[in-house]
Each structure stands twice: as structure tokens, then as C-alpha cells.
């Protein structure tokens, strides 16, 4: 069989040369299918990867808060498990919210390989300027550590996170909020917390417009100043943890929560709804683009099927000369493979052109020039090539199988 391969390849090549117009049409069909497969898949996967990277970078990979998923059972419930108990006159104890023994939690988080933990305190204040009031959720941070855990500084249009350390009463707010209050860089605003603390704050930085919660309702302060304003000295209610591999966050969060009891959310848990939508989106995308390649394979089926019909007499002669069923199948399968390979190469070139066009498009989004994120990795080209090749083999094998079953006696007798 191996020795006959050069001969079988030569026969397949001659068949394709004799039907040049159909060959070109079939190759063009595969090329268009592969090209649009690459354009669509690179666009969808690129936008998905960009979205996931935004989710990962928008906040720490793990957030430990002063919440407990399951309430602590009452002593009577623990003393008499399974019994019918009614608790009366229960009075909740007023406690200051915050993470107890947060230094120990910090040490445990920092002990994770390559991890960096950043403490913070969040609370609500009201900003006042000239009789105008706006609510704001302030987050007190240590700038030197926070810069290593989150990408907050990348979202600043003016100022730096480090300026909070050098400016007494410094605060970073969003450009939208600054416009509503009528303030800018260096202006003074009054702040009042729910506990009655008041202080004058100086605007040392502004978040870009369109940065979601960062610009709309969040502000950053120095940790110790936020503790003083909120009336919670030495209190921490949130610890952010950044890992070298964000996809290890679920396991690390589960271990920290099991050890300390406080709620530890990974970025995947916080974004579970969005990630579930991406799975559905991927199923739809690959169904559509695979259908494009499947339609393109019909061109190969048509060419090979017509070749089988036109070469019935030649097939009978080849059978009488000793060619086996598998030899005949290989002749027509090789035709399909040749058409697919030529179409894939042309499709890769077309895909590159389409990617270049898509990547060059510019969109003005809230004053920022954005480009469409594309996935140009070799994986996209490999998937498109393999799916096209598989479709071509199936499309060529169906008529090839029919050719192998031809009875040479009946054909030659009918021709005579």
C-alpha cells in the first residue's frame, strides 16, 4: 500500500487538474470558511480573554471580609444538638465590625507561595461642598502594598496612589463625582461619617470616567486616616490577596476560610454569573463557526462526488488492473485532502487579513480610543485547520466509499 502512494497521489492530482474550475471553487469555499472562522473566533475569544483579565485585575484575586457565611450557633443549640429548643429574650451584642486577629490572617495569606496581602477598611461617608452633598464609599489602604495587589493606579487620570502618603487628608475620587461636586485637583471637601466623625479632605487624584464602581461611588484614602474618620481605630474589615496564578484562587480562598471562618471570596466566585454566561456564549460561537466550516466542506463533497461519477469507467479499469478497494478510496480521499490543505493555507492568509482589519478599527469610548481585542495565538489557526481537515476527510470519504464498491464487470459491460 505504501509503495503505491506516489501513484495514487499522481492519479488524484490529475483528476483535480482536469476539473480546475470546480477545484478553484472548492478551495475558495474552504478558504472563506477558515478565514471567517478565524475572524469570528479570534474576535470572540479575544474579547472574552480581555473581559476575564479585566475581572482578574479589577480587584484582588481573593477578598477576605468580616462576614461569616453561616451564623455561629447559639450555646444552647450546641449544648443540646437535635433537641427542640426555643430561645427567648435574646439580645444581640453590639460589636465593632472588623476582622479579629487580622494580623494573623495577613501572615497566613502572605505565607501562600508568591502571594501579597493588603489590609483595608471600607465605610460610608458624605462629602459636602458649598451646600451640596454626595455619598461616597471610602476605602482606606496602604498605597505601597495596594499597588502590588490591585490595578487601582492604572485607572487614575490624574495623581498617584502614593500621593496619599505625602498629603494630609488626601482622597482620590472619580471624575464624575468631582464634576457633580464642582471640585478638581487640590480642592478641599468636607467629609462626615455615620459615627459623626468630620474632617476636611484634599482631592489628590481622580479616576477616569467609565471605571464602574471606582469612578461612581468609591474613594481611596490612607488607611490610618480612614480609620480615624470612620471612628474605627486599628480596625480592618477587608484583606485583599493577589496570587501569582489567579486560577489557584478558589483553592486558596477555601483554605483561608476554613482556617479563620471569615468569608473568603475568589474572583471566580465573585464573577460566577458572568463566567456562566461566557460558557453559553462559547457554545453558541463554536456552533456557528463550525457550521461555517461544515458548509464549506460541501464543496469538497461535490467535487469528489462528481469526480467519482465522471470516472466510473476509469475506476472499473483500475479495479480490473488489480487496484484494491482501499486504493480507490485513497485516491478520492487524497483529492479531498488536497483541496482542504490548499483551502486551509488560503484561509489562514484570509484570516490574517481579516484580523488585521478588525484590529485596526478604533472606537472612541468616553474619550478613550479603544481597539478590538483579538486572540491571534496559533491555537486559533490550529483549531480551524484541524476542523476543516476533519470535515474534508468525511466529505471526501463518503463518495470515495461509493467508488470502492463499484462492480467493474457491470460498468465495462454497460460501456460495451
Protein backbone atom coordinates (compact mmCIF):
# COMPACT_ATOMS: atom_id res chain seq x y z
CA UNK A 1 0.00 0.00 0.00
CA UNK A 2 2.79 2.43 0.94
CA UNK A 3 4.61 1.70 -2.31
CA UNK A 4 1.51 2.66 -4.32
CA UNK A 5 1.04 6.00 -2.58
CA UNK A 6 3.02 8.06 -5.12
CA UNK A 7 0.91 6.54 -7.88
CA UNK A 8 -2.34 7.23 -6.02
CA UNK A 9 -1.27 10.82 -5.37
CA UNK A 10 -0.48 11.28 -9.06
CA UNK A 11 -3.91 9.97 -10.09
CA UNK A 12 -5.65 12.26 -7.56
CA UNK A 13 -3.64 15.28 -8.81
CA UNK A 14 -4.58 14.54 -12.44
CA UNK A 15 -8.27 14.35 -11.51
CA UNK A 16 -8.08 17.79 -9.87
CA UNK A 17 -6.22 19.34 -12.81
CA UNK A 18 -8.88 18.11 -15.22
CA UNK A 19 -11.60 19.86 -13.15
CA UNK A 20 -9.84 23.15 -12.48
CA UNK A 21 -12.93 25.31 -12.17
CA UNK A 22 -14.57 23.06 -9.58
CA UNK A 23 -11.22 22.73 -7.81
CA UNK A 24 -10.85 26.51 -7.50
CA UNK A 25 -14.43 26.89 -6.27
CA UNK A 26 -13.95 24.17 -3.62
CA UNK A 27 -10.65 25.66 -2.44
CA UNK A 28 -12.22 29.12 -2.28
CA UNK A 29 -15.12 27.75 -0.24
CA UNK A 30 -12.78 26.19 2.32
CA UNK A 31 -10.64 29.35 2.40
CA UNK A 32 -13.63 31.58 3.09
CA UNK A 33 -14.87 29.21 5.79
CA UNK A 34 -11.47 29.06 7.51
CA UNK A 35 -10.92 32.81 7.16
CA UNK A 36 -14.23 33.75 8.73
CA UNK A 37 -13.79 31.05 11.38
CA UNK A 38 -10.51 32.72 12.37
CA UNK A 39 -12.00 36.22 12.29
CA UNK A 40 -15.04 35.32 14.40
CA UNK A 41 -13.24 33.04 16.88
CA UNK A 42 -10.32 35.46 17.38
CA UNK A 43 -12.82 38.27 17.99
CA UNK A 44 -14.94 36.29 20.45
CA UNK A 45 -12.05 34.63 22.30
CA UNK A 46 -10.07 37.88 22.37
CA UNK A 47 -12.96 39.81 23.87
CA UNK A 48 -13.55 37.00 26.38
CA UNK A 49 -9.89 36.95 27.44
CA UNK A 50 -9.90 40.74 27.75
CA UNK A 51 -13.05 40.58 29.87
CA UNK A 52 -11.59 37.90 32.15
CA UNK A 53 -8.34 39.85 32.51
CA UNK A 54 -10.40 42.89 33.49
CA UNK A 55 -12.23 40.81 36.10
CA UNK A 56 -8.94 39.48 37.44
CA UNK A 57 -7.17 42.84 37.55
CA UNK A 58 -10.11 44.92 38.75
CA UNK A 59 -9.80 43.60 42.30
CA UNK A 60 -7.59 41.27 44.35
CA UNK A 61 -7.80 37.60 43.45
CA UNK A 62 -9.11 36.81 46.94
CA UNK A 63 -11.10 39.14 49.19
CA UNK A 64 -11.42 38.24 52.88
CA UNK A 65 -14.20 40.23 54.53
CA UNK A 66 -15.61 40.43 58.04
CA UNK A 67 -18.62 38.34 57.05
CA UNK A 68 -19.40 34.78 58.06
CA UNK A 69 -21.27 32.56 55.62
CA UNK A 70 -23.02 30.55 58.36
CA UNK A 71 -24.09 32.23 61.62
CA UNK A 72 -22.47 30.98 64.81
CA UNK A 73 -24.89 28.60 66.59
CA UNK A 74 -26.22 29.63 69.99
CA UNK A 75 -24.66 27.95 73.07
CA UNK A 76 -27.96 26.21 73.90
CA UNK A 77 -28.10 24.76 70.38
CA UNK A 78 -24.55 23.45 70.71
CA UNK A 79 -25.27 22.01 74.17
CA UNK A 80 -28.40 20.14 73.03
CA UNK A 81 -27.89 19.19 69.35
CA UNK A 82 -31.02 17.93 67.64
CA UNK A 83 -33.30 18.98 70.52
CA UNK A 84 -36.37 21.20 70.26
CA UNK A 85 -35.08 24.47 71.69
CA UNK A 86 -36.72 27.87 71.94
CA UNK A 87 -34.56 30.86 72.83
CA UNK A 88 -36.30 33.83 74.43
CA UNK A 89 -35.09 37.26 75.43
CA UNK A 90 -32.04 37.06 73.19
CA UNK A 91 -30.27 40.41 72.91
CA UNK A 92 -27.65 40.88 70.24
CA UNK A 93 -24.35 42.17 71.47
CA UNK A 94 -23.17 45.35 69.80
CA UNK A 95 -19.71 44.70 68.49
CA UNK A 96 -17.42 46.70 66.29
CA UNK A 97 -17.36 45.12 62.85
CA UNK A 98 -13.96 44.05 61.63
CA UNK A 99 -11.60 41.13 61.22
CA UNK A 100 -10.41 39.80 64.55
CA UNK A 101 -6.76 38.83 64.71
CA UNK A 102 -6.34 40.28 61.24
CA UNK A 103 -2.55 40.31 61.65
CA UNK A 104 -2.63 36.50 61.86
CA UNK A 105 -4.79 36.33 58.73
CA UNK A 106 -2.32 38.61 56.97
CA UNK A 107 0.58 36.35 57.93
CA UNK A 108 -1.30 33.27 56.70
CA UNK A 109 -2.12 34.96 53.38
CA UNK A 110 1.45 36.19 52.92
CA UNK A 111 2.66 32.64 53.60
CA UNK A 112 0.96 31.41 50.39
CA UNK A 113 3.61 30.93 47.66
CA UNK A 114 4.12 34.25 45.86
CA UNK A 115 1.07 35.86 47.48
CA UNK A 116 0.76 39.50 48.59
CA UNK A 117 -1.90 40.59 51.09
CA UNK A 118 -3.18 44.14 51.55
CA UNK A 119 -5.31 45.29 54.53
CA UNK A 120 -8.04 47.87 54.08
CA UNK A 121 -11.02 49.44 55.80
CA UNK A 122 -14.17 50.43 53.93
CA UNK A 123 -17.03 52.57 55.13
CA UNK A 124 -19.53 55.24 54.10
CA UNK A 125 -19.11 58.99 54.32
CA UNK A 126 -20.88 62.05 52.98
CA UNK A 127 -18.92 64.66 51.06
CA UNK A 128 -20.05 68.28 51.39
CA UNK A 129 -19.08 71.22 49.21
CA UNK A 130 -20.95 74.55 49.22
CA UNK A 131 -24.22 73.07 50.42
CA UNK A 132 -24.06 70.14 48.04
CA UNK A 133 -23.83 66.59 49.46
CA UNK A 134 -22.81 63.33 47.80
CA UNK A 135 -22.50 59.86 49.40
CA UNK A 136 -19.19 58.05 48.98
CA UNK A 137 -17.83 54.67 49.96
CA UNK A 138 -14.26 55.26 51.14
CA UNK A 139 -11.57 52.60 51.21
CA UNK A 140 -8.57 53.09 53.43
CA UNK A 141 -5.43 51.42 52.08
CA UNK A 142 -1.69 51.24 52.44
CA UNK A 143 -0.65 52.59 49.00
CA UNK A 144 2.71 50.79 48.83
CA UNK A 145 1.03 47.40 49.34
CA UNK A 146 -2.21 48.13 47.47
CA UNK A 147 -0.30 48.95 44.29
CA UNK A 148 1.04 45.37 44.27
CA UNK A 149 -2.39 43.80 44.87
CA UNK A 150 -4.74 45.75 42.58
CA UNK A 151 -4.55 47.87 39.42
CA UNK A 152 -6.16 50.91 41.02
CA UNK A 153 -3.38 53.29 39.97
CA UNK A 154 -3.79 52.29 36.31
CA UNK A 155 -7.29 53.78 36.39
CA UNK A 156 -6.16 57.23 37.56
CA UNK A 157 -6.40 60.10 35.08
CA UNK A 158 -4.62 62.46 37.50
CA UNK A 159 -2.49 61.93 40.57
CA UNK A 160 -0.88 58.83 42.03
CA UNK A 161 -1.85 56.43 44.79
CA UNK A 162 1.43 57.26 46.58
CA UNK A 163 0.26 60.89 46.95
CA UNK A 164 -2.00 59.74 49.79
CA UNK A 165 1.12 59.17 51.90
CA UNK A 166 2.51 62.67 51.35
CA UNK A 167 -0.73 64.67 51.57
CA UNK A 168 -2.54 65.01 54.88
CA UNK A 169 -6.21 64.18 54.41
CA UNK A 170 -5.75 63.20 50.79
CA UNK A 171 -8.56 61.45 48.92
CA UNK A 172 -8.96 60.03 45.41
CA UNK A 173 -12.42 60.22 43.83
CA UNK A 174 -13.93 59.70 40.38
CA UNK A 175 -14.12 62.37 37.71
CA UNK A 176 -17.92 62.06 37.58
CA UNK A 177 -18.24 62.70 41.31
CA UNK A 178 -15.78 65.59 41.10
CA UNK A 179 -17.90 67.18 38.37
CA UNK A 180 -21.08 66.80 40.40
CA UNK A 181 -19.41 68.43 43.39
CA UNK A 182 -17.70 71.06 41.24
CA UNK A 183 -14.21 70.31 42.55
CA UNK A 184 -10.87 69.43 40.99
CA UNK A 185 -7.32 68.51 41.88
CA UNK A 186 -6.16 70.23 45.09
CA UNK A 187 -9.65 71.37 46.18
CA UNK A 188 -10.91 70.83 49.72
CA UNK A 189 -14.12 68.92 50.53
CA UNK A 190 -15.78 68.23 53.87
CA UNK A 191 -16.45 64.63 54.93
CA UNK A 192 -18.79 63.29 57.61
CA UNK A 193 -19.03 59.62 58.62
CA UNK A 194 -22.01 57.76 60.07
CA UNK A 195 -20.31 57.79 63.50
CA UNK A 196 -20.17 61.56 63.46
CA UNK A 197 -16.54 61.99 62.53
CA UNK A 198 -15.80 65.04 60.41
CA UNK A 199 -12.73 66.11 58.51
CA UNK A 200 -11.60 68.25 55.62
CA UNK A 201 -10.14 66.24 52.74
CA UNK A 202 -7.99 67.31 49.81
CA UNK A 203 -8.52 65.86 46.32
CA UNK A 204 -5.16 64.33 45.32
CA UNK A 205 -6.29 62.09 42.46
CA UNK A 206 -9.11 61.41 40.02
CA UNK A 207 -10.31 58.14 38.50
CA UNK A 208 -11.03 58.05 34.78
CA UNK A 209 -14.62 58.14 33.63
CA UNK A 210 -16.19 54.79 32.83
CA UNK A 211 -14.36 52.83 35.53
CA UNK A 212 -17.54 51.45 37.07
CA UNK A 213 -17.65 51.49 40.87
CA UNK A 214 -14.23 53.14 41.11
CA UNK A 215 -15.44 56.30 39.43
CA UNK A 216 -19.05 56.29 40.51
CA UNK A 217 -19.14 55.63 44.24
CA UNK A 218 -15.71 54.77 45.64
CA UNK A 219 -12.88 56.87 47.00
CA UNK A 220 -9.45 55.94 48.35
CA UNK A 221 -7.77 57.29 51.48
CA UNK A 222 -4.78 56.44 53.60
CA UNK A 223 -5.68 53.58 55.94
CA UNK A 224 -4.99 55.31 59.25
CA UNK A 225 -6.87 58.43 58.14
CA UNK A 226 -9.88 56.35 57.07
CA UNK A 227 -9.84 54.61 60.47
CA UNK A 228 -9.85 57.98 62.20
CA UNK A 229 -12.64 59.43 60.02
CA UNK A 230 -14.83 56.32 60.33
CA UNK A 231 -14.25 56.12 64.09
CA UNK A 232 -12.73 52.64 63.89
CA UNK A 233 -9.10 52.91 65.02
CA UNK A 234 -6.93 49.84 64.40
CA UNK A 235 -9.88 48.08 62.67
CA UNK A 236 -9.57 46.20 59.37
CA UNK A 237 -12.65 44.77 57.63
CA UNK A 238 -11.14 43.60 54.36
CA UNK A 239 -7.96 41.89 53.20
CA UNK A 240 -7.15 41.57 49.51
CA UNK A 241 -4.80 38.83 48.34
CA UNK A 242 -3.07 38.67 44.97
CA UNK A 243 -1.63 35.34 43.75
CA UNK A 244 0.94 34.69 41.02
CA UNK A 245 -1.58 32.34 39.37
CA UNK A 246 -5.15 33.73 39.63
CA UNK A 247 -6.62 30.34 38.71
CA UNK A 248 -5.38 28.95 42.04
CA UNK A 249 -7.53 31.42 43.96
CA UNK A 250 -10.51 29.13 44.63
CA UNK A 251 -8.47 26.53 46.50
CA UNK A 252 -6.51 29.15 48.44
CA UNK A 253 -9.71 31.02 49.39
CA UNK A 254 -11.33 27.80 50.63
CA UNK A 255 -8.33 27.01 52.85
CA UNK A 256 -8.24 30.51 54.35
CA UNK A 257 -11.99 30.47 55.02
CA UNK A 258 -11.83 27.04 56.62
CA UNK A 259 -8.98 28.15 58.89
CA UNK A 260 -10.29 31.53 60.06
CA UNK A 261 -14.05 31.27 59.48
CA UNK A 262 -14.35 34.59 57.65
CA UNK A 263 -15.79 34.74 54.15
CA UNK A 264 -13.01 34.47 51.55
CA UNK A 265 -14.21 35.03 48.00
CA UNK A 266 -12.12 34.26 44.94
CA UNK A 267 -12.50 36.38 41.81
CA UNK A 268 -14.17 33.38 40.16
CA UNK A 269 -16.82 33.19 42.87
CA UNK A 270 -17.48 36.92 42.71
CA UNK A 271 -17.85 36.70 38.92
CA UNK A 272 -19.60 33.33 38.69
CA UNK A 273 -22.66 34.76 36.89
CA UNK A 274 -20.51 36.39 34.20
CA UNK A 275 -18.38 33.25 33.75
CA UNK A 276 -21.52 31.12 33.33
CA UNK A 277 -22.69 33.48 30.58
CA UNK A 278 -19.32 33.12 28.85
CA UNK A 279 -19.73 29.33 28.72
CA UNK A 280 -23.10 29.70 26.97
CA UNK A 281 -21.58 32.31 24.66
CA UNK A 282 -18.74 29.95 23.72
CA UNK A 283 -21.15 27.11 22.91
CA UNK A 284 -23.11 29.39 20.57
CA UNK A 285 -19.94 30.79 19.00
CA UNK A 286 -18.30 27.45 18.22
CA UNK A 287 -21.60 26.05 16.93
CA UNK A 288 -21.92 28.93 14.46
CA UNK A 289 -18.32 28.94 13.25
CA UNK A 290 -18.25 25.14 12.97
CA UNK A 291 -21.37 25.36 10.81
CA UNK A 292 -19.43 27.73 8.51
CA UNK A 293 -16.71 25.11 8.03
CA UNK A 294 -19.29 22.36 7.58
CA UNK A 295 -20.95 24.28 4.77
CA UNK A 296 -17.54 24.83 3.16
CA UNK A 297 -16.94 21.06 3.19
CA UNK A 298 -19.94 20.54 0.90
CA UNK A 299 -17.83 21.99 -1.91
CA UNK A 300 -15.30 19.21 -1.40
CA UNK A 301 -18.08 16.63 -1.32
CA UNK A 302 -19.44 17.98 -4.63
CA UNK A 303 -16.06 17.92 -6.37
CA UNK A 304 -15.17 14.40 -5.22
CA UNK A 305 -18.69 13.11 -5.91
CA UNK A 306 -18.62 14.49 -9.48
CA UNK A 307 -15.16 13.02 -9.95
CA UNK A 308 -16.45 9.59 -8.91
CA UNK A 309 -19.40 9.88 -11.33
CA UNK A 310 -17.21 11.01 -14.25
CA UNK A 311 -14.51 8.42 -13.65
CA UNK A 312 -16.67 5.32 -13.29
CA UNK A 313 -15.13 3.73 -16.40
CA UNK A 314 -11.60 4.58 -15.20
CA UNK A 315 -12.48 3.10 -11.79
CA UNK A 316 -13.60 -0.13 -13.45
CA UNK A 317 -10.36 -0.32 -15.44
CA UNK A 318 -8.30 0.29 -12.31
CA UNK A 319 -10.17 -2.45 -10.49
CA UNK A 320 -9.54 -4.88 -13.33
CA UNK A 321 -5.83 -3.94 -13.17
CA UNK A 322 -5.64 -5.04 -9.54
CA UNK A 323 -6.30 -1.85 -7.56
CA UNK A 324 -7.96 -2.74 -4.26
CA UNK A 325 -10.99 -1.10 -2.63
CA UNK A 326 -8.73 0.81 -0.24
CA UNK A 327 -6.59 2.04 -3.16
CA UNK A 328 -9.64 3.55 -4.84
CA UNK A 329 -10.85 5.08 -1.59
CA UNK A 330 -7.46 6.68 -1.04
CA UNK A 331 -7.44 8.26 -4.50
CA UNK A 332 -10.58 10.25 -3.79
CA UNK A 333 -9.79 10.90 -0.13
CA UNK A 334 -6.45 12.35 -1.28
CA UNK A 335 -8.37 14.62 -3.61
CA UNK A 336 -10.39 15.91 -0.67
CA UNK A 337 -7.27 16.32 1.47
CA UNK A 338 -5.51 18.28 -1.28
CA UNK A 339 -8.49 20.61 -1.65
CA UNK A 340 -8.66 21.03 2.14
CA UNK A 341 -4.94 21.77 2.54
CA UNK A 342 -4.96 24.37 -0.23
CA UNK A 343 -8.12 25.91 1.24
CA UNK A 344 -6.69 25.95 4.77
CA UNK A 345 -3.50 27.73 3.67
CA UNK A 346 -5.52 30.30 1.71
CA UNK A 347 -7.95 30.58 4.64
CA UNK A 348 -5.13 31.28 7.07
CA UNK A 349 -3.96 34.12 4.82
CA UNK A 350 -7.52 35.46 4.57
CA UNK A 351 -7.92 35.17 8.34
CA UNK A 352 -4.76 37.19 8.92
CA UNK A 353 -6.06 39.92 6.62
CA UNK A 354 -9.45 39.99 8.38
CA UNK A 355 -7.73 40.10 11.80
CA UNK A 356 -5.58 42.99 10.65
CA UNK A 357 -8.67 44.88 9.51
CA UNK A 358 -10.56 44.19 12.74
CA UNK A 359 -7.52 45.07 14.86
CA UNK A 360 -7.09 48.41 13.09
CA UNK A 361 -10.62 49.59 13.91
CA UNK A 362 -10.75 52.33 16.54
CA UNK A 363 -13.65 53.18 18.85
CA UNK A 364 -13.94 56.31 20.95
CA UNK A 365 -15.36 55.19 24.30
CA UNK A 366 -15.86 58.04 26.77
CA UNK A 367 -12.87 59.93 25.45
CA UNK A 368 -10.57 56.89 25.22
CA UNK A 369 -9.51 55.31 21.93
CA UNK A 370 -10.06 51.55 22.17
CA UNK A 371 -9.19 48.72 19.77
CA UNK A 372 -10.99 45.41 19.40
CA UNK A 373 -9.13 42.76 21.46
CA UNK A 374 -8.22 39.78 19.25
CA UNK A 375 -6.77 36.39 20.05
CA UNK A 376 -4.02 35.84 17.46
CA UNK A 377 -2.49 32.76 19.05
CA UNK A 378 -1.50 29.76 16.94
CA UNK A 379 -4.21 27.78 18.73
CA UNK A 380 -6.91 29.52 16.68
CA UNK A 381 -5.20 28.59 13.40
CA UNK A 382 -4.66 25.02 14.56
CA UNK A 383 -8.31 24.55 15.56
CA UNK A 384 -9.54 25.98 12.25
CA UNK A 385 -7.16 23.76 10.29
CA UNK A 386 -7.99 20.56 12.16
CA UNK A 387 -11.77 21.08 11.97
CA UNK A 388 -11.53 21.82 8.23
CA UNK A 389 -9.31 18.82 7.65
CA UNK A 390 -11.66 16.51 9.53
CA UNK A 391 -14.69 17.86 7.64
CA UNK A 392 -12.84 17.40 4.33
CA UNK A 393 -11.92 13.79 5.10
CA UNK A 394 -15.53 12.93 5.94
CA UNK A 395 -16.84 14.81 2.89
CA UNK A 396 -14.38 13.03 0.57
CA UNK A 397 -14.72 9.60 2.17
CA UNK A 398 -18.49 9.34 1.55
CA UNK A 399 -18.24 9.37 -2.29
CA UNK A 400 -14.89 7.52 -2.13
CA UNK A 401 -16.61 4.68 -0.30
CA UNK A 402 -19.16 4.57 -3.10
CA UNK A 403 -16.37 4.39 -5.70
CA UNK A 404 -14.75 1.46 -3.94
CA UNK A 405 -17.97 -0.54 -4.21
CA UNK A 406 -18.20 -0.18 -7.99
CA UNK A 407 -18.52 -3.54 -9.84
CA UNK A 408 -16.13 -3.29 -12.83
CA UNK A 409 -17.96 -6.03 -14.75
CA UNK A 410 -21.26 -4.15 -14.80
CA UNK A 411 -19.60 -0.89 -15.86
CA UNK A 412 -17.49 -2.39 -18.64
CA UNK A 413 -20.40 -4.49 -19.91
CA UNK A 414 -22.64 -1.44 -19.97
CA UNK A 415 -19.97 0.60 -21.76
CA UNK A 416 -19.54 -2.14 -24.36
